[in-house]
C-alpha cells in the first residue's frame, strides 16, 4: 500500500477517536450537570421549625384562626430575636400547648414554648439557660372572696381548677390534699370559677389579668387572692430532634448575649409598658 494511503487512513482513524472522546466527554458533562442540579447543596441547612402555644396572650397566641398560623406575642418576638443574634431564622407554628409539648417531645418540631421546668418534664427535654422570662402563678377567686395573700398551703381542702395540659409546679400537682379539677382553656377555667364549681383557679398573673379585664363577662367579677410561685419560662428543646441539643446551646448563648448588651431588657421594658401589667 502506498505510504500516502496509510497516512490518510491513520488520520481518519485519529479523527474518529477524537470525535468519540468528545462525545463521551459531553455526555459525562451533561450527566454531572444534571446531578448537580438535582442534588441539594451540601451546605444548605434544614429548616428550623418551632411551636408556640396558641392561646396565651400577650406571650404567645395564634395570629389567625387558621390551623398552625404563626403566633404573635412577646415570647415569639424574643425567640426570633435570640436566634437572629446567632444568625439563624426560624419558622414558628402555633398549636395548643399540650400538643406543642408533644411535638417537641417526639421530635416533630425542634422545640416548644412557653414551658416551665417541673419534676415531671425535667428529663424529657433539653433546657437552655437562663429562662426567657418569669411570670407569677397566681391564685384567683371571686370578687366577694375576702381571702388575701394566699399561698399554696391555703389551697388544701379547697376545690382548685387549672388548665389541662399546662405545666404547673410539682408541689401543686402532687399535693393530694388539694381537690383538683381541670378545664380545657383559661377562659373555661374562669367560667368554672364564676359558676361556683370550684373555689379558686390558677392563672399566670399577666395573661390572667389581661383576659379578665378584656372580657366583659369576667371584668369586675374575679380578683387575684394570692400566689403559688414565681416561675421561669423556657423554650423546651427536643431530645429526639437532630438539631435539638445544638439549638438549645445556641439559644442560651444568644439569650445571654442579649442580656449583656441590654437589648433583652429594652424588649422587656417596652413589652411591660405596652401591656400595662407586671
C-alpha atoms as a PDB file:
ATOM      1  CA  UNK A   1       0.000   0.000   0.000  1.00  0.00           C
ATOM      2  CA  UNK A   2       1.376   3.423  -0.871  1.00  0.00           C
ATOM      3  CA  UNK A   3       2.597   5.480   2.090  1.00  0.00           C
ATOM      4  CA  UNK A   4       0.121   8.249   1.243  1.00  0.00           C
ATOM      5  CA  UNK A   5      -2.831   5.849   1.662  1.00  0.00           C
ATOM      6  CA  UNK A   6      -1.540   4.600   5.005  1.00  0.00           C
ATOM      7  CA  UNK A   7      -1.208   8.202   6.190  1.00  0.00           C
ATOM      8  CA  UNK A   8      -4.785   9.074   5.127  1.00  0.00           C
ATOM      9  CA  UNK A   9      -6.217   6.047   6.951  1.00  0.00           C
ATOM     10  CA  UNK A  10      -4.291   6.911  10.123  1.00  0.00           C
ATOM     11  CA  UNK A  11      -5.582  10.476  10.064  1.00  0.00           C
ATOM     12  CA  UNK A  12      -9.151   9.232   9.548  1.00  0.00           C
ATOM     13  CA  UNK A  13      -8.833   6.808  12.452  1.00  0.00           C
ATOM     14  CA  UNK A  14      -7.461   9.560  14.696  1.00  0.00           C
ATOM     15  CA  UNK A  15     -10.399  11.796  13.778  1.00  0.00           C
ATOM     16  CA  UNK A  16     -12.886   9.058  14.740  1.00  0.00           C
ATOM     17  CA  UNK A  17     -11.182   8.556  18.099  1.00  0.00           C
ATOM     18  CA  UNK A  18     -11.219  12.297  18.785  1.00  0.00           C
ATOM     19  CA  UNK A  19     -14.930  12.554  17.910  1.00  0.00           C
ATOM     20  CA  UNK A  20     -15.781   9.604  20.161  1.00  0.00           C
ATOM     21  CA  UNK A  21     -13.771  11.102  23.026  1.00  0.00           C
ATOM     22  CA  UNK A  22     -15.509  14.457  22.623  1.00  0.00           C
ATOM     23  CA  UNK A  23     -18.967  12.830  22.545  1.00  0.00           C
ATOM     24  CA  UNK A  24     -18.235  10.830  25.696  1.00  0.00           C
ATOM     25  CA  UNK A  25     -16.966  13.944  27.472  1.00  0.00           C
ATOM     26  CA  UNK A  26     -20.109  15.875  26.563  1.00  0.00           C
ATOM     27  CA  UNK A  27     -22.315  13.037  27.782  1.00  0.00           C
ATOM     28  CA  UNK A  28     -20.477  12.796  31.087  1.00  0.00           C
ATOM     29  CA  UNK A  29     -20.529  16.547  31.496  1.00  0.00           C
ATOM     30  CA  UNK A  30     -24.275  16.659  30.921  1.00  0.00           C
ATOM     31  CA  UNK A  31     -24.803  13.879  33.443  1.00  0.00           C
ATOM     32  CA  UNK A  32     -22.689  15.664  36.051  1.00  0.00           C
ATOM     33  CA  UNK A  33     -24.577  18.905  35.434  1.00  0.00           C
ATOM     34  CA  UNK A  34     -27.935  17.171  35.847  1.00  0.00           C
ATOM     35  CA  UNK A  35     -26.767  15.555  39.089  1.00  0.00           C
ATOM     36  CA  UNK A  36     -25.515  18.876  40.384  1.00  0.00           C
ATOM     37  CA  UNK A  37     -28.880  20.500  39.648  1.00  0.00           C
ATOM     38  CA  UNK A  38     -30.942  17.729  41.257  1.00  0.00           C
ATOM     39  CA  UNK A  39     -28.832  17.301  44.395  1.00  0.00           C
ATOM     40  CA  UNK A  40     -29.411  19.810  47.232  1.00  0.00           C
ATOM     41  CA  UNK A  41     -26.427  21.987  48.161  1.00  0.00           C
ATOM     42  CA  UNK A  42     -24.376  20.267  50.843  1.00  0.00           C
ATOM     43  CA  UNK A  43     -24.212  23.402  52.923  1.00  0.00           C
ATOM     44  CA  UNK A  44     -27.978  24.031  52.891  1.00  0.00           C
ATOM     45  CA  UNK A  45     -29.248  23.751  56.472  1.00  0.00           C
ATOM     46  CA  UNK A  46     -32.551  22.088  57.353  1.00  0.00           C
ATOM     47  CA  UNK A  47     -35.412  24.449  58.201  1.00  0.00           C
ATOM     48  CA  UNK A  48     -35.750  25.133  61.925  1.00  0.00           C
ATOM     49  CA  UNK A  49     -39.382  24.675  62.989  1.00  0.00           C
ATOM     50  CA  UNK A  50     -40.567  25.557  66.492  1.00  0.00           C
ATOM     51  CA  UNK A  51     -44.026  25.505  68.058  1.00  0.00           C
ATOM     52  CA  UNK A  52     -45.569  28.201  70.239  1.00  0.00           C
ATOM     53  CA  UNK A  53     -48.797  27.874  72.180  1.00  0.00           C
ATOM     54  CA  UNK A  54     -51.869  29.356  70.530  1.00  0.00           C
ATOM     55  CA  UNK A  55     -53.855  30.805  73.452  1.00  0.00           C
ATOM     56  CA  UNK A  56     -51.616  32.594  75.943  1.00  0.00           C
ATOM     57  CA  UNK A  57     -51.581  36.295  75.099  1.00  0.00           C
ATOM     58  CA  UNK A  58     -49.637  38.516  75.461  1.00  0.00           C
ATOM     59  CA  UNK A  59     -46.768  35.988  75.294  1.00  0.00           C
ATOM     60  CA  UNK A  60     -47.863  33.645  72.518  1.00  0.00           C
ATOM     61  CA  UNK A  61     -51.193  33.406  70.715  1.00  0.00           C
ATOM     62  CA  UNK A  62     -52.369  32.447  67.236  1.00  0.00           C
ATOM     63  CA  UNK A  63     -52.476  35.413  64.854  1.00  0.00           C
ATOM     64  CA  UNK A  64     -55.438  33.975  62.910  1.00  0.00           C
ATOM     65  CA  UNK A  65     -57.915  31.132  63.191  1.00  0.00           C
ATOM     66  CA  UNK A  66     -56.066  29.174  60.501  1.00  0.00           C
ATOM     67  CA  UNK A  67     -54.528  25.859  61.639  1.00  0.00           C
ATOM     68  CA  UNK A  68     -50.892  26.266  62.707  1.00  0.00           C
ATOM     69  CA  UNK A  69     -50.945  30.006  61.981  1.00  0.00           C
ATOM     70  CA  UNK A  70     -47.832  31.884  63.044  1.00  0.00           C
ATOM     71  CA  UNK A  71     -48.206  33.044  66.658  1.00  0.00           C
ATOM     72  CA  UNK A  72     -47.671  36.585  67.920  1.00  0.00           C
ATOM     73  CA  UNK A  73     -46.575  37.956  71.286  1.00  0.00           C
ATOM     74  CA  UNK A  74     -43.564  38.848  73.408  1.00  0.00           C
ATOM     75  CA  UNK A  75     -42.196  35.300  73.595  1.00  0.00           C
ATOM     76  CA  UNK A  76     -42.474  34.953  69.816  1.00  0.00           C
ATOM     77  CA  UNK A  77     -40.577  38.207  69.257  1.00  0.00           C
ATOM     78  CA  UNK A  78     -37.955  37.192  71.813  1.00  0.00           C
ATOM     79  CA  UNK A  79     -37.387  33.749  70.284  1.00  0.00           C
ATOM     80  CA  UNK A  80     -36.902  35.274  66.837  1.00  0.00           C
ATOM     81  CA  UNK A  81     -34.556  37.958  68.189  1.00  0.00           C
ATOM     82  CA  UNK A  82     -32.423  35.464  70.127  1.00  0.00           C
ATOM     83  CA  UNK A  83     -31.962  33.201  67.118  1.00  0.00           C
ATOM     84  CA  UNK A  84     -31.320  36.211  64.864  1.00  0.00           C
ATOM     85  CA  UNK A  85     -28.449  37.190  67.179  1.00  0.00           C
ATOM     86  CA  UNK A  86     -26.913  33.825  66.250  1.00  0.00           C
ATOM     87  CA  UNK A  87     -27.514  34.301  62.527  1.00  0.00           C
ATOM     88  CA  UNK A  88     -30.486  31.915  62.408  1.00  0.00           C
ATOM     89  CA  UNK A  89     -34.064  32.306  61.206  1.00  0.00           C
ATOM     90  CA  UNK A  90     -36.869  30.068  62.432  1.00  0.00           C
ATOM     91  CA  UNK A  91     -40.365  29.078  61.388  1.00  0.00           C
ATOM     92  CA  UNK A  92     -42.869  29.125  64.257  1.00  0.00           C
ATOM     93  CA  UNK A  93     -46.254  27.423  64.189  1.00  0.00           C
ATOM     94  CA  UNK A  94     -48.993  27.818  66.806  1.00  0.00           C
ATOM     95  CA  UNK A  95     -50.758  24.820  68.333  1.00  0.00           C
ATOM     96  CA  UNK A  96     -52.497  24.048  71.652  1.00  0.00           C
ATOM     97  CA  UNK A  97     -49.917  23.829  74.425  1.00  0.00           C
ATOM     98  CA  UNK A  98     -50.280  20.112  75.185  1.00  0.00           C
ATOM     99  CA  UNK A  99     -49.752  19.314  71.505  1.00  0.00           C
ATOM    100  CA  UNK A 100     -46.866  21.784  71.379  1.00  0.00           C
ATOM    101  CA  UNK A 101     -45.028  19.884  74.107  1.00  0.00           C
ATOM    102  CA  UNK A 102     -45.845  16.539  72.487  1.00  0.00           C
ATOM    103  CA  UNK A 103     -44.445  17.710  69.145  1.00  0.00           C
ATOM    104  CA  UNK A 104     -41.201  18.686  70.869  1.00  0.00           C
ATOM    105  CA  UNK A 105     -41.016  15.518  72.947  1.00  0.00           C
ATOM    106  CA  UNK A 106     -41.390  13.315  69.857  1.00  0.00           C
ATOM    107  CA  UNK A 107     -39.100  15.374  67.616  1.00  0.00           C
ATOM    108  CA  UNK A 108     -41.782  16.682  65.242  1.00  0.00           C
ATOM    109  CA  UNK A 109     -40.506  20.199  65.978  1.00  0.00           C
ATOM    110  CA  UNK A 110     -37.177  21.359  67.373  1.00  0.00           C
ATOM    111  CA  UNK A 111     -38.775  22.942  70.454  1.00  0.00           C
ATOM    112  CA  UNK A 112     -41.891  24.310  72.163  1.00  0.00           C
ATOM    113  CA  UNK A 113     -42.536  27.449  74.205  1.00  0.00           C
ATOM    114  CA  UNK A 114     -43.565  28.600  76.819  1.00  0.00           C
ATOM    115  CA  UNK A 115     -42.810  25.816  79.307  1.00  0.00           C
ATOM    116  CA  UNK A 116     -41.851  25.689  82.957  1.00  0.00           C
ATOM    117  CA  UNK A 117     -39.437  23.060  84.251  1.00  0.00           C
ATOM    118  CA  UNK A 118     -41.042  20.574  86.632  1.00  0.00           C
ATOM    119  CA  UNK A 119     -40.031  17.280  88.213  1.00  0.00           C
ATOM    120  CA  UNK A 120     -42.291  15.578  85.679  1.00  0.00           C
ATOM    121  CA  UNK A 121     -40.784  17.055  82.491  1.00  0.00           C
ATOM    122  CA  UNK A 122     -37.203  17.871  83.509  1.00  0.00           C
ATOM    123  CA  UNK A 123     -35.679  14.805  81.848  1.00  0.00           C
ATOM    124  CA  UNK A 124     -37.877  14.884  78.740  1.00  0.00           C
ATOM    125  CA  UNK A 125     -36.371  17.970  77.066  1.00  0.00           C
ATOM    126  CA  UNK A 126     -33.146  19.905  76.596  1.00  0.00           C
ATOM    127  CA  UNK A 127     -33.263  23.145  78.600  1.00  0.00           C
ATOM    128  CA  UNK A 128     -31.314  26.305  77.825  1.00  0.00           C
ATOM    129  CA  UNK A 129     -30.090  28.777  80.430  1.00  0.00           C
ATOM    130  CA  UNK A 130     -31.194  31.315  81.513  1.00  0.00           C
ATOM    131  CA  UNK A 131     -35.017  31.306  81.354  1.00  0.00           C
ATOM    132  CA  UNK A 132     -36.694  33.539  78.756  1.00  0.00           C
ATOM    133  CA  UNK A 133     -38.775  35.409  81.350  1.00  0.00           C
ATOM    134  CA  UNK A 134     -40.566  34.982  84.675  1.00  0.00           C
ATOM    135  CA  UNK A 135     -44.276  35.034  85.462  1.00  0.00           C
ATOM    136  CA  UNK A 136     -46.220  34.767  88.690  1.00  0.00           C
ATOM    137  CA  UNK A 137     -48.564  31.804  89.040  1.00  0.00           C
ATOM    138  CA  UNK A 138     -51.446  33.465  90.857  1.00  0.00           C
ATOM    139  CA  UNK A 139     -54.477  32.300  92.774  1.00  0.00           C
ATOM    140  CA  UNK A 140     -57.757  33.879  91.656  1.00  0.00           C
ATOM    141  CA  UNK A 141     -61.094  33.854  93.424  1.00  0.00           C
ATOM    142  CA  UNK A 142     -64.482  35.505  93.041  1.00  0.00           C
ATOM    143  CA  UNK A 143     -64.548  39.210  93.818  1.00  0.00           C
ATOM    144  CA  UNK A 144     -66.592  38.703  97.000  1.00  0.00           C
ATOM    145  CA  UNK A 145     -63.969  36.318  98.419  1.00  0.00           C
ATOM    146  CA  UNK A 146     -62.271  38.075 101.356  1.00  0.00           C
ATOM    147  CA  UNK A 147     -59.075  35.993 101.226  1.00  0.00           C
ATOM    148  CA  UNK A 148     -55.784  37.751 100.518  1.00  0.00           C
ATOM    149  CA  UNK A 149     -52.114  36.810 100.194  1.00  0.00           C
ATOM    150  CA  UNK A 150     -52.966  33.137  99.948  1.00  0.00           C
ATOM    151  CA  UNK A 151     -50.211  30.572  99.462  1.00  0.00           C
ATOM    152  CA  UNK A 152     -50.152  27.001  98.212  1.00  0.00           C
ATOM    153  CA  UNK A 153     -50.869  25.597 101.687  1.00  0.00           C
ATOM    154  CA  UNK A 154     -54.078  27.669 101.853  1.00  0.00           C
ATOM    155  CA  UNK A 155     -55.482  25.695  98.917  1.00  0.00           C
ATOM    156  CA  UNK A 156     -55.544  22.450 100.877  1.00  0.00           C
ATOM    157  CA  UNK A 157     -59.101  21.299 101.397  1.00  0.00           C
ATOM    158  CA  UNK A 158     -60.292  23.648  98.631  1.00  0.00           C
ATOM    159  CA  UNK A 159     -61.587  22.935  95.124  1.00  0.00           C
ATOM    160  CA  UNK A 160     -58.965  24.321  92.767  1.00  0.00           C
ATOM    161  CA  UNK A 161     -59.014  24.270  88.970  1.00  0.00           C
ATOM    162  CA  UNK A 162     -56.175  24.528  86.479  1.00  0.00           C
ATOM    163  CA  UNK A 163     -55.859  24.409  82.686  1.00  0.00           C
ATOM    164  CA  UNK A 164     -55.337  20.913  81.341  1.00  0.00           C
ATOM    165  CA  UNK A 165     -52.016  20.322  79.582  1.00  0.00           C
ATOM    166  CA  UNK A 166     -50.158  23.291  81.078  1.00  0.00           C
ATOM    167  CA  UNK A 167     -47.025  22.862  83.171  1.00  0.00           C
ATOM    168  CA  UNK A 168     -47.626  23.544  86.874  1.00  0.00           C
ATOM    169  CA  UNK A 169     -45.311  23.258  89.897  1.00  0.00           C
ATOM    170  CA  UNK A 170     -44.861  19.694  91.082  1.00  0.00           C
ATOM    171  CA  UNK A 171     -45.682  20.829  94.638  1.00  0.00           C
ATOM    172  CA  UNK A 172     -49.196  21.705  93.478  1.00  0.00           C
ATOM    173  CA  UNK A 173     -49.792  18.773  91.148  1.00  0.00           C
ATOM    174  CA  UNK A 174     -48.625  16.170  93.682  1.00  0.00           C
ATOM    175  CA  UNK A 175     -50.394  17.611  96.753  1.00  0.00           C
ATOM    176  CA  UNK A 176     -53.212  15.170  97.412  1.00  0.00           C
ATOM    177  CA  UNK A 177     -54.820  17.485  99.970  1.00  0.00           C
ATOM    178  CA  UNK A 178     -55.899  19.888  97.222  1.00  0.00           C
ATOM    179  CA  UNK A 179     -59.067  18.909  95.337  1.00  0.00           C
ATOM    180  CA  UNK A 180     -58.075  19.426  91.702  1.00  0.00           C
ATOM    181  CA  UNK A 181     -60.226  19.993  88.641  1.00  0.00           C
ATOM    182  CA  UNK A 182     -59.168  20.820  85.105  1.00  0.00           C
ATOM    183  CA  UNK A 183     -60.528  22.913  82.246  1.00  0.00           C
ATOM    184  CA  UNK A 184     -59.683  22.943  78.550  1.00  0.00           C
ATOM    185  CA  UNK A 185     -58.613  26.606  78.500  1.00  0.00           C
ATOM    186  CA  UNK A 186     -58.043  29.637  80.718  1.00  0.00           C
ATOM    187  CA  UNK A 187     -61.373  31.061  79.557  1.00  0.00           C
ATOM    188  CA  UNK A 188     -63.182  27.863  80.549  1.00  0.00           C
ATOM    189  CA  UNK A 189     -61.300  27.981  83.855  1.00  0.00           C
ATOM    190  CA  UNK A 190     -62.669  31.427  84.720  1.00  0.00           C
ATOM    191  CA  UNK A 191     -66.192  30.367  83.804  1.00  0.00           C
ATOM    192  CA  UNK A 192     -65.812  27.358  86.091  1.00  0.00           C
ATOM    193  CA  UNK A 193     -64.930  29.722  88.954  1.00  0.00           C
ATOM    194  CA  UNK A 194     -67.839  32.074  88.276  1.00  0.00           C
ATOM    195  CA  UNK A 195     -70.286  29.173  88.102  1.00  0.00           C
ATOM    196  CA  UNK A 196     -69.086  28.186  91.621  1.00  0.00           C
ATOM    197  CA  UNK A 197     -67.968  24.743  90.534  1.00  0.00           C
ATOM    198  CA  UNK A 198     -64.611  25.461  92.214  1.00  0.00           C
ATOM    199  CA  UNK A 199     -63.358  27.786  94.952  1.00  0.00           C
ATOM    200  CA  UNK A 200     -60.170  29.022  93.254  1.00  0.00           C
ATOM    201  CA  UNK A 201     -58.340  28.838  89.960  1.00  0.00           C
ATOM    202  CA  UNK A 202     -54.688  29.173  88.963  1.00  0.00           C
ATOM    203  CA  UNK A 203     -53.690  31.658  86.269  1.00  0.00           C
ATOM    204  CA  UNK A 204     -50.410  33.330  85.398  1.00  0.00           C
ATOM    205  CA  UNK A 205     -50.780  36.916  86.502  1.00  0.00           C
ATOM    206  CA  UNK A 206     -50.204  38.914  83.302  1.00  0.00           C
ATOM    207  CA  UNK A 207     -52.154  36.674  80.899  1.00  0.00           C
ATOM    208  CA  UNK A 208     -54.859  36.044  83.508  1.00  0.00           C
ATOM    209  CA  UNK A 209     -55.423  39.690  84.427  1.00  0.00           C
ATOM    210  CA  UNK A 210     -55.487  40.703  80.754  1.00  0.00           C
ATOM    211  CA  UNK A 211     -58.041  38.041  79.923  1.00  0.00           C
ATOM    212  CA  UNK A 212     -60.266  39.063  82.837  1.00  0.00           C
ATOM    213  CA  UNK A 213     -60.055  42.798  82.127  1.00  0.00           C
ATOM    214  CA  UNK A 214     -60.638  42.435  78.379  1.00  0.00           C
ATOM    215  CA  UNK A 215     -63.644  40.104  78.665  1.00  0.00           C
ATOM    216  CA  UNK A 216     -66.903  41.856  79.674  1.00  0.00           C
ATOM    217  CA  UNK A 217     -68.410  38.751  81.295  1.00  0.00           C
ATOM    218  CA  UNK A 218     -65.357  38.446  83.588  1.00  0.00           C
ATOM    219  CA  UNK A 219     -64.450  42.072  84.270  1.00  0.00           C
ATOM    220  CA  UNK A 220     -65.029  43.103  87.902  1.00  0.00           C
ATOM    221  CA  UNK A 221     -66.080  39.606  88.970  1.00  0.00           C
ATOM    222  CA  UNK A 222     -62.715  37.896  89.549  1.00  0.00           C
ATOM    223  CA  UNK A 223     -59.700  39.055  91.543  1.00  0.00           C
ATOM    224  CA  UNK A 224     -56.239  37.856  92.498  1.00  0.00           C
ATOM    225  CA  UNK A 225     -56.154  36.401  96.031  1.00  0.00           C
ATOM    226  CA  UNK A 226     -52.598  35.069  96.307  1.00  0.00           C
ATOM    227  CA  UNK A 227     -49.543  33.490  94.748  1.00  0.00           C
ATOM    228  CA  UNK A 228     -48.356  29.914  94.288  1.00  0.00           C
ATOM    229  CA  UNK A 229     -44.929  30.600  92.791  1.00  0.00           C
ATOM    230  CA  UNK A 230     -42.798  32.824  90.581  1.00  0.00           C
ATOM    231  CA  UNK A 231     -41.813  30.659  87.629  1.00  0.00           C
ATOM    232  CA  UNK A 232     -39.313  30.863  84.815  1.00  0.00           C
ATOM    233  CA  UNK A 233     -40.436  30.032  81.290  1.00  0.00           C
ATOM    234  CA  UNK A 234     -38.318  28.235  78.732  1.00  0.00           C
ATOM    235  CA  UNK A 235     -38.207  27.030  75.177  1.00  0.00           C
ATOM    236  CA  UNK A 236     -38.242  23.251  75.677  1.00  0.00           C
ATOM    237  CA  UNK A 237     -35.926  21.766  73.048  1.00  0.00           C
ATOM    238  CA  UNK A 238     -36.452  18.266  71.723  1.00  0.00           C
ATOM    239  CA  UNK A 239     -34.151  15.406  72.681  1.00  0.00           C
ATOM    240  CA  UNK A 240     -35.437  13.455  69.679  1.00  0.00           C
ATOM    241  CA  UNK A 241     -34.840  16.176  67.071  1.00  0.00           C
ATOM    242  CA  UNK A 242     -31.429  16.082  65.328  1.00  0.00           C
ATOM    243  CA  UNK A 243     -30.918  19.809  65.942  1.00  0.00           C
ATOM    244  CA  UNK A 244     -32.392  19.957  69.455  1.00  0.00           C
ATOM    245  CA  UNK A 245     -29.250  19.971  71.596  1.00  0.00           C
ATOM    246  CA  UNK A 246     -27.288  22.273  69.297  1.00  0.00           C
ATOM    247  CA  UNK A 247     -30.170  24.763  69.090  1.00  0.00           C
ATOM    248  CA  UNK A 248     -30.577  24.773  72.883  1.00  0.00           C
ATOM    249  CA  UNK A 249     -26.916  25.716  73.225  1.00  0.00           C
ATOM    250  CA  UNK A 250     -27.167  28.443  70.576  1.00  0.00           C
ATOM    251  CA  UNK A 251     -30.363  29.818  72.098  1.00  0.00           C
ATOM    252  CA  UNK A 252     -28.768  30.037  75.537  1.00  0.00           C
ATOM    253  CA  UNK A 253     -25.741  31.807  74.070  1.00  0.00           C
ATOM    254  CA  UNK A 254     -27.947  34.283  72.223  1.00  0.00           C
ATOM    255  CA  UNK A 255     -30.127  34.980  75.257  1.00  0.00           C
ATOM    256  CA  UNK A 256     -27.085  35.614  77.443  1.00  0.00           C
ATOM    257  CA  UNK A 257     -25.665  37.906  74.785  1.00  0.00           C
ATOM    258  CA  UNK A 258     -28.899  39.936  74.658  1.00  0.00           C
ATOM    259  CA  UNK A 259     -28.943  40.225  78.442  1.00  0.00           C
ATOM    260  CA  UNK A 260     -25.365  41.513  78.443  1.00  0.00           C
ATOM    261  CA  UNK A 261     -25.821  44.082  75.684  1.00  0.00           C
ATOM    262  CA  UNK A 262     -29.090  45.447  77.116  1.00  0.00           C
ATOM    263  CA  UNK A 263     -31.322  44.520  74.171  1.00  0.00           C
ATOM    264  CA  UNK A 264     -33.234  41.955  76.246  1.00  0.00           C
ATOM    265  CA  UNK A 265     -34.088  44.487  78.959  1.00  0.00           C
ATOM    266  CA  UNK A 266     -35.186  47.022  76.344  1.00  0.00           C
ATOM    267  CA  UNK A 267     -37.544  44.466  74.801  1.00  0.00           C
ATOM    268  CA  UNK A 268     -38.933  43.522  78.219  1.00  0.00           C
ATOM    269  CA  UNK A 269     -39.432  47.147  79.318  1.00  0.00           C
ATOM    270  CA  UNK A 270     -41.200  48.022  76.059  1.00  0.00           C
ATOM    271  CA  UNK A 271     -43.438  44.978  76.402  1.00  0.00           C
ATOM    272  CA  UNK A 272     -44.378  45.728  80.030  1.00  0.00           C
ATOM    273  CA  UNK A 273     -45.065  49.357  79.180  1.00  0.00           C
ATOM    274  CA  UNK A 274     -47.268  48.373  76.248  1.00  0.00           C
ATOM    275  CA  UNK A 275     -49.409  45.775  78.012  1.00  0.00           C
ATOM    276  CA  UNK A 276     -49.612  47.668  81.310  1.00  0.00           C
ATOM    277  CA  UNK A 277     -49.193  44.613  83.580  1.00  0.00           C
ATOM    278  CA  UNK A 278     -46.291  43.446  85.727  1.00  0.00           C
END
